[in-house]
Amino acid sequence: MSKRVVLSKKVDLSDAGIRLDKYLSSNYPEFSRNHIQVWIEEGKVTVNGHKVKSKLLLKGEEEVNIDALIEPVIEDKPENMILNITHEDEAIIILNKPHGLVVHPGAGNHSGTLMNGLLHHNSDLNLLPRAGIIHRLDKNTSGIMVIAKTEKAYLSLNKQMKDRQIEKRYQALVIGNVKSGKIINHSIGRHPKSRTKQAVIVNGREAVTKYKVNKKFDGFTLLDVEIETGRTHQIRVHLSHEKLPIVGDVTYGAKRKFPKGINEEIRNLVGKFTRQALHAKSLTFIHPEKEEKVFFDTPLAGDIEELISQFKVLR
């Protein structure tokens, strides 16, 4: 059954220079980019009252309106894959996403995504936006995710996410000797020189990250991280800004500097770690059917645990 979507949003100045389709996909993650591009082509999306093209570059302060129908997700094909589902009931699926798995189809990733696997696992997800996916994790971030199985669950979880009622906790292995915890409250927006990156900027969108020390090593620290907002690359950007780049993060930690005294063997180990050492550890939210607070967590990813064990051996 089709569902009508009516939305309106004013573009922030920090989003100037972004393509319209990318802007909408980022701000409305509950809708696939394919849906958004079709809506734009059909004139269901207007900018300052005018029909436009997907490639339109926004200038900031435009009024973007959507008035469209959601159709079943027929463009995304089911694919049989192993999903590490840790909990499933009538309303939700909890799974542990491995690093290297893209969450939903997009440019350069038309198949082999989590969405394709979910559609094979449960064909009814075809009727929900993004096959019930409530939030995203970067390709090379591992960890816990919640998927809605019904319209009621989707609406409840999506509202909780927008109202910042879902508690999301992560663990990050960073380069640097961290003495104590901190609250980072720096706005985030598109990088002024690299449009594929995010950065701490003056007129960006509010972003709040809290961290505390879990374990200390010589030159490295395992942090427990909680985010109040869900900006793109938020943890990676904030920790890099604090000069605590995440191990393996080639985008935000490429210019990393090791603390003095780190031996060559450990430097080589860290240099060979091929993804950001960031893991989504737990979720706390109100269950859409039980209407009570529930908590789900996952163990730290095995590759990060293995790296940490080598730190202990090599110290």
Protein backbone atom coordinates (compact mmCIF):
# COMPACT_ATOMS: atom_id res chain seq x y z
CA MET A 1 0.00 0.00 0.00
CA SER A 2 1.29 3.45 -0.91
CA LYS A 3 1.80 6.09 1.80
CA ARG A 4 1.85 9.86 1.38
CA VAL A 5 4.88 11.84 2.56
CA VAL A 6 4.65 15.62 3.09
CA LEU A 7 7.81 17.28 4.43
CA SER A 8 9.38 20.74 4.44
CA LYS A 9 12.87 21.85 5.44
CA LYS A 10 14.96 25.01 5.23
CA VAL A 11 18.52 24.42 4.03
CA ASP A 12 21.29 25.44 6.44
CA LEU A 13 24.05 27.67 5.13
CA SER A 14 26.52 24.97 6.17
CA ASP A 15 24.97 22.68 3.53
CA ALA A 16 25.73 25.05 0.64
CA GLY A 17 27.28 23.30 -2.33
CA ILE A 18 25.63 19.91 -1.72
CA ARG A 19 23.59 18.20 -4.44
CA LEU A 20 19.88 18.18 -3.72
CA ASP A 21 19.53 14.39 -3.80
CA LYS A 22 22.48 13.92 -1.43
CA TYR A 23 21.10 16.58 0.90
CA LEU A 24 17.69 14.91 1.10
CA SER A 25 19.21 11.45 1.50
CA SER A 26 21.32 12.70 4.41
CA ASN A 27 18.50 14.57 6.15
CA TYR A 28 15.83 11.92 5.59
CA PRO A 29 17.67 8.60 6.02
CA GLU A 30 14.35 6.77 6.31
CA PHE A 31 13.95 7.12 2.52
CA SER A 32 16.23 5.46 0.00
CA ARG A 33 18.19 7.66 -2.40
CA ASN A 34 16.44 5.87 -5.26
CA HIS A 35 13.07 6.99 -3.88
CA ILE A 36 14.31 10.56 -3.54
CA GLN A 37 15.74 10.73 -7.08
CA VAL A 38 12.49 9.41 -8.54
CA TRP A 39 10.48 11.96 -6.56
CA ILE A 40 12.71 14.77 -7.87
CA GLU A 41 12.36 13.56 -11.46
CA GLU A 42 8.58 13.39 -11.08
CA GLY A 43 8.40 16.92 -9.66
CA LYS A 44 7.36 15.73 -6.20
CA VAL A 45 10.26 17.71 -4.73
CA THR A 46 10.39 21.50 -5.10
CA VAL A 47 12.96 24.10 -4.10
CA ASN A 48 11.47 27.53 -3.37
CA GLY A 49 8.34 26.31 -5.16
CA HIS A 50 10.13 25.25 -8.36
CA LYS A 51 10.68 21.80 -9.85
CA VAL A 52 14.39 21.03 -10.08
CA LYS A 53 16.91 18.31 -10.94
CA SER A 54 18.75 15.93 -8.58
CA LYS A 55 22.10 17.53 -9.43
CA LEU A 56 21.01 21.01 -8.27
CA LEU A 57 23.67 22.48 -5.96
CA LEU A 58 22.08 24.11 -2.95
CA LYS A 59 23.13 27.59 -1.83
CA GLY A 60 21.63 27.62 1.65
CA GLU A 61 18.37 29.03 3.05
CA GLU A 62 16.21 27.50 0.30
CA GLU A 63 12.87 25.97 1.22
CA VAL A 64 12.76 22.33 0.14
CA ASN A 65 9.37 20.60 0.03
CA ILE A 66 8.43 16.97 -0.55
CA ASP A 67 4.91 15.81 -1.41
CA ALA A 68 5.12 12.24 -2.64
CA LEU A 69 3.98 8.65 -2.23
CA ILE A 70 6.12 5.83 -0.82
CA GLU A 71 5.86 2.75 -2.97
CA PRO A 72 7.10 -0.74 -2.01
CA VAL A 73 10.86 -1.09 -2.30
CA ILE A 74 10.80 -2.98 -5.59
CA GLU A 75 14.13 -1.60 -6.83
CA ASP A 76 16.12 -3.31 -4.04
CA LYS A 77 16.41 -7.05 -4.58
CA PRO A 78 16.46 -9.67 -1.83
CA GLU A 79 19.79 -11.47 -1.46
CA ASN A 80 20.55 -14.50 0.67
CA MET A 81 23.29 -13.67 3.15
CA ILE A 82 24.25 -14.56 6.70
CA LEU A 83 22.93 -11.96 9.14
CA ASN A 84 24.18 -12.00 12.72
CA ILE A 85 20.75 -11.53 14.31
CA THR A 86 20.99 -11.51 18.11
CA HIS A 87 17.31 -10.87 18.86
CA GLU A 88 14.05 -10.90 16.93
CA ASP A 89 10.43 -10.54 17.99
CA GLU A 90 7.17 -9.42 16.40
CA ALA A 91 8.27 -5.79 16.15
CA ILE A 92 12.06 -5.52 15.86
CA ILE A 93 15.26 -7.18 14.74
CA ILE A 94 18.54 -6.60 16.58
CA LEU A 95 21.67 -7.49 14.63
CA ASN A 96 25.42 -7.14 14.83
CA LYS A 97 26.71 -5.60 11.58
CA PRO A 98 30.24 -6.64 10.57
CA HIS A 99 32.68 -4.06 9.28
CA GLY A 100 32.87 -3.96 5.49
CA LEU A 101 29.10 -4.32 5.01
CA VAL A 102 27.31 -1.36 3.40
CA VAL A 103 23.92 -0.69 5.02
CA HIS A 104 21.84 0.17 1.94
CA PRO A 105 22.27 0.32 -1.85
CA GLY A 106 23.74 3.44 -3.40
CA ALA A 107 26.27 4.61 -5.95
CA GLY A 108 28.79 1.83 -6.43
CA ASN A 109 26.91 -0.51 -4.05
CA HIS A 110 23.84 -1.81 -5.85
CA SER A 111 23.88 -5.23 -4.20
CA GLY A 112 25.39 -7.13 -1.31
CA THR A 113 24.12 -4.61 1.25
CA LEU A 114 22.43 -5.13 4.59
CA MET A 115 19.14 -3.97 3.05
CA ASN A 116 19.34 -6.71 0.41
CA GLY A 117 19.91 -9.30 3.13
CA LEU A 118 17.02 -8.00 5.24
CA LEU A 119 14.62 -8.17 2.29
CA HIS A 120 15.55 -11.84 1.86
CA HIS A 121 15.20 -12.51 5.59
CA ASN A 122 11.72 -10.97 5.74
CA SER A 123 9.90 -10.02 2.54
CA ASP A 124 7.37 -7.91 4.50
CA LEU A 125 10.14 -5.35 5.07
CA ASN A 126 9.64 -4.47 1.40
CA LEU A 127 6.69 -2.31 2.47
CA LEU A 128 8.66 -0.19 4.95
CA PRO A 129 10.96 2.75 4.14
CA ARG A 130 14.54 1.49 3.81
CA ALA A 131 13.32 -2.02 4.65
CA GLY A 132 12.80 -0.97 8.28
CA ILE A 133 16.34 0.33 8.82
CA ILE A 134 16.16 3.06 11.48
CA HIS A 135 19.76 4.26 11.57
CA ARG A 136 22.99 3.76 9.69
CA LEU A 137 26.52 2.70 10.47
CA ASP A 138 29.43 3.53 8.19
CA LYS A 139 30.66 0.66 6.01
CA ASN A 140 33.75 0.13 8.13
CA THR A 141 32.05 0.59 11.51
CA SER A 142 30.84 -2.61 13.15
CA GLY A 143 28.18 -3.17 15.76
CA ILE A 144 24.59 -3.17 16.87
CA MET A 145 21.61 -2.00 14.81
CA VAL A 146 17.84 -2.08 15.30
CA ILE A 147 15.45 -2.83 12.43
CA ALA A 148 11.68 -2.24 12.54
CA LYS A 149 9.44 -5.04 11.27
CA THR A 150 6.09 -3.23 11.29
CA GLU A 151 4.80 0.23 10.44
CA LYS A 152 4.00 0.84 14.13
CA ALA A 153 7.53 -0.11 15.15
CA TYR A 154 9.05 1.97 12.37
CA LEU A 155 7.10 5.10 13.32
CA SER A 156 7.86 4.64 17.03
CA LEU A 157 11.59 4.05 16.61
CA ASN A 158 11.97 6.76 14.00
CA LYS A 159 10.29 9.27 16.33
CA GLN A 160 12.48 8.15 19.24
CA MET A 161 15.55 8.62 17.06
CA LYS A 162 14.50 12.13 16.00
CA ASP A 163 13.60 13.04 19.59
CA ARG A 164 17.02 11.79 20.80
CA GLN A 165 15.39 9.17 23.02
CA ILE A 166 17.46 6.24 21.74
CA GLU A 167 20.69 5.89 23.72
CA LYS A 168 23.56 4.89 21.41
CA ARG A 169 26.87 3.84 22.90
CA TYR A 170 30.07 2.99 21.06
CA GLN A 171 33.62 1.93 21.78
CA ALA A 172 36.54 3.54 19.96
CA LEU A 173 40.24 2.74 20.06
CA VAL A 174 42.12 6.01 19.65
CA ILE A 175 45.71 7.09 19.28
CA GLY A 176 46.74 9.09 22.33
CA ASN A 177 46.93 8.92 26.11
CA VAL A 178 43.54 10.04 27.41
CA LYS A 179 43.48 10.95 31.10
CA SER A 180 39.77 11.57 31.66
CA GLY A 181 36.40 11.85 29.99
CA LYS A 182 34.93 14.86 28.23
CA ILE A 183 31.83 16.26 26.55
CA ILE A 184 32.47 17.55 23.01
CA ASN A 185 29.94 20.12 21.85
CA HIS A 186 31.12 21.35 18.45
CA SER A 187 28.84 21.87 15.46
CA ILE A 188 29.51 19.74 12.38
CA GLY A 189 29.00 20.43 8.68
CA ARG A 190 30.49 19.71 5.27
CA HIS A 191 34.26 20.10 5.06
CA PRO A 192 35.03 23.42 3.33
CA LYS A 193 37.51 21.81 0.94
CA SER A 194 36.44 18.16 0.68
CA ARG A 195 32.74 17.66 0.01
CA THR A 196 32.91 13.95 0.93
CA LYS A 197 34.08 14.74 4.46
CA GLN A 198 32.59 16.40 7.52
CA ALA A 199 34.34 18.90 9.79
CA VAL A 200 33.87 21.00 12.91
CA ILE A 201 32.63 24.35 11.56
CA VAL A 202 31.13 27.49 13.09
CA ASN A 203 27.73 27.43 11.39
CA GLY A 204 27.25 23.67 11.28
CA ARG A 205 24.60 21.46 12.85
CA GLU A 206 24.59 20.82 16.58
CA ALA A 207 26.59 17.73 17.57
CA VAL A 208 27.24 16.41 21.08
CA THR A 209 29.61 13.53 21.88
CA LYS A 210 30.52 12.25 25.34
CA TYR A 211 33.40 9.93 26.10
CA LYS A 212 35.11 8.33 29.09
CA VAL A 213 38.13 6.10 29.46
CA ASN A 214 37.57 2.34 29.40
CA LYS A 215 41.16 1.03 29.20
CA LYS A 216 44.57 2.66 28.84
CA PHE A 217 47.55 1.38 26.88
CA ASP A 218 50.93 2.88 26.05
CA GLY A 219 49.99 5.54 23.52
CA PHE A 220 46.45 4.28 22.93
CA THR A 221 43.12 4.43 24.78
CA LEU A 222 39.88 2.47 24.49
CA LEU A 223 37.00 4.93 24.95
CA ASP A 224 33.35 4.43 25.81
CA VAL A 225 31.48 6.93 23.65
CA GLU A 226 27.88 8.16 23.73
CA ILE A 227 26.30 10.46 21.16
CA GLU A 228 23.28 12.68 21.76
CA THR A 229 23.01 13.61 18.07
CA GLY A 230 23.56 11.49 14.98
CA ARG A 231 25.52 13.59 12.50
CA THR A 232 27.40 11.94 9.64
CA HIS A 233 30.81 10.69 10.85
CA GLN A 234 30.17 12.48 14.17
CA ILE A 235 32.38 10.41 16.47
CA ARG A 236 35.20 10.23 13.95
CA VAL A 237 35.12 13.99 13.34
CA HIS A 238 34.88 14.96 17.00
CA LEU A 239 37.67 12.67 18.19
CA SER A 240 39.92 13.73 15.33
CA HIS A 241 39.24 17.37 16.24
CA GLU A 242 40.34 16.55 19.79
CA LYS A 243 43.59 15.15 18.31
CA LEU A 244 42.48 11.64 19.26
CA PRO A 245 42.11 9.98 15.83
CA ILE A 246 40.54 6.53 15.75
CA VAL A 247 42.95 3.74 14.87
CA GLY A 248 42.58 2.77 11.20
CA ASP A 249 40.54 5.84 10.17
CA VAL A 250 42.18 6.83 6.89
CA THR A 251 39.70 9.67 6.31
CA TYR A 252 40.04 11.55 9.59
CA GLY A 253 43.24 10.08 11.01
CA ALA A 254 45.58 9.94 8.01
CA LYS A 255 47.92 12.54 9.54
CA ARG A 256 48.11 10.72 12.85
CA LYS A 257 51.12 11.20 15.09
CA PHE A 258 52.09 8.50 17.53
CA PRO A 259 53.03 9.50 21.08
CA LYS A 260 56.72 9.29 21.88
CA GLY A 261 58.02 5.89 22.93
CA ILE A 262 55.76 3.76 20.72
CA ASN A 263 57.95 1.01 19.31
CA GLU A 264 58.12 0.14 15.63
CA GLU A 265 56.31 -3.18 16.02
CA ILE A 266 53.18 -1.52 17.43
CA ARG A 267 53.36 1.23 14.78
CA ASN A 268 53.35 -1.45 12.08
CA LEU A 269 50.41 -3.29 13.67
CA VAL A 270 48.35 -0.12 13.79
CA GLY A 271 49.36 0.79 10.23
CA LYS A 272 48.05 -2.55 8.99
CA PHE A 273 44.64 -2.17 10.68
CA THR A 274 42.40 -1.69 7.65
CA ARG A 275 39.29 -0.04 9.09
CA GLN A 276 38.36 2.47 11.77
CA ALA A 277 38.42 0.80 15.19
CA LEU A 278 34.90 1.97 16.02
CA HIS A 279 32.18 -0.38 17.27
CA ALA A 280 28.51 0.35 18.05
CA LYS A 281 28.25 -1.31 21.46
CA SER A 282 24.68 -0.90 22.72
CA LEU A 283 21.21 0.55 22.19
CA THR A 284 18.58 1.51 24.76
CA PHE A 285 15.06 2.48 23.66
CA ILE A 286 11.35 2.03 24.34
CA HIS A 287 10.11 -1.19 22.76
CA PRO A 288 7.37 -0.28 20.22
CA GLU A 289 5.02 -3.07 21.39
CA LYS A 290 5.95 -3.66 25.04
CA GLU A 291 6.19 0.11 25.65
CA GLU A 292 8.98 -0.44 28.15
CA LYS A 293 12.68 0.39 28.08
CA VAL A 294 14.87 -2.34 26.60
CA PHE A 295 18.65 -2.68 26.38
CA PHE A 296 20.70 -4.62 23.82
CA ASP A 297 24.46 -4.83 23.49
CA THR A 298 27.16 -6.64 21.54
CA PRO A 299 30.73 -7.61 22.44
CA LEU A 300 33.56 -5.54 21.04
CA ALA A 301 34.41 -6.67 17.50
CA GLY A 302 36.96 -9.48 17.28
CA ASP A 303 39.48 -7.62 15.12
CA ILE A 304 39.63 -4.74 17.62
CA GLU A 305 39.96 -7.19 20.51
CA GLU A 306 42.81 -8.91 18.68
CA LEU A 307 44.62 -5.62 18.14
CA ILE A 308 44.23 -4.73 21.83
CA SER A 309 45.59 -8.13 22.85
CA GLN A 310 48.68 -7.42 20.78
CA PHE A 311 49.15 -4.13 22.60
CA LYS A 312 49.26 -6.05 25.86
CA VAL A 313 51.77 -8.54 24.49
CA LEU A 314 54.01 -5.88 22.98
CA ARG A 315 54.07 -3.46 25.91
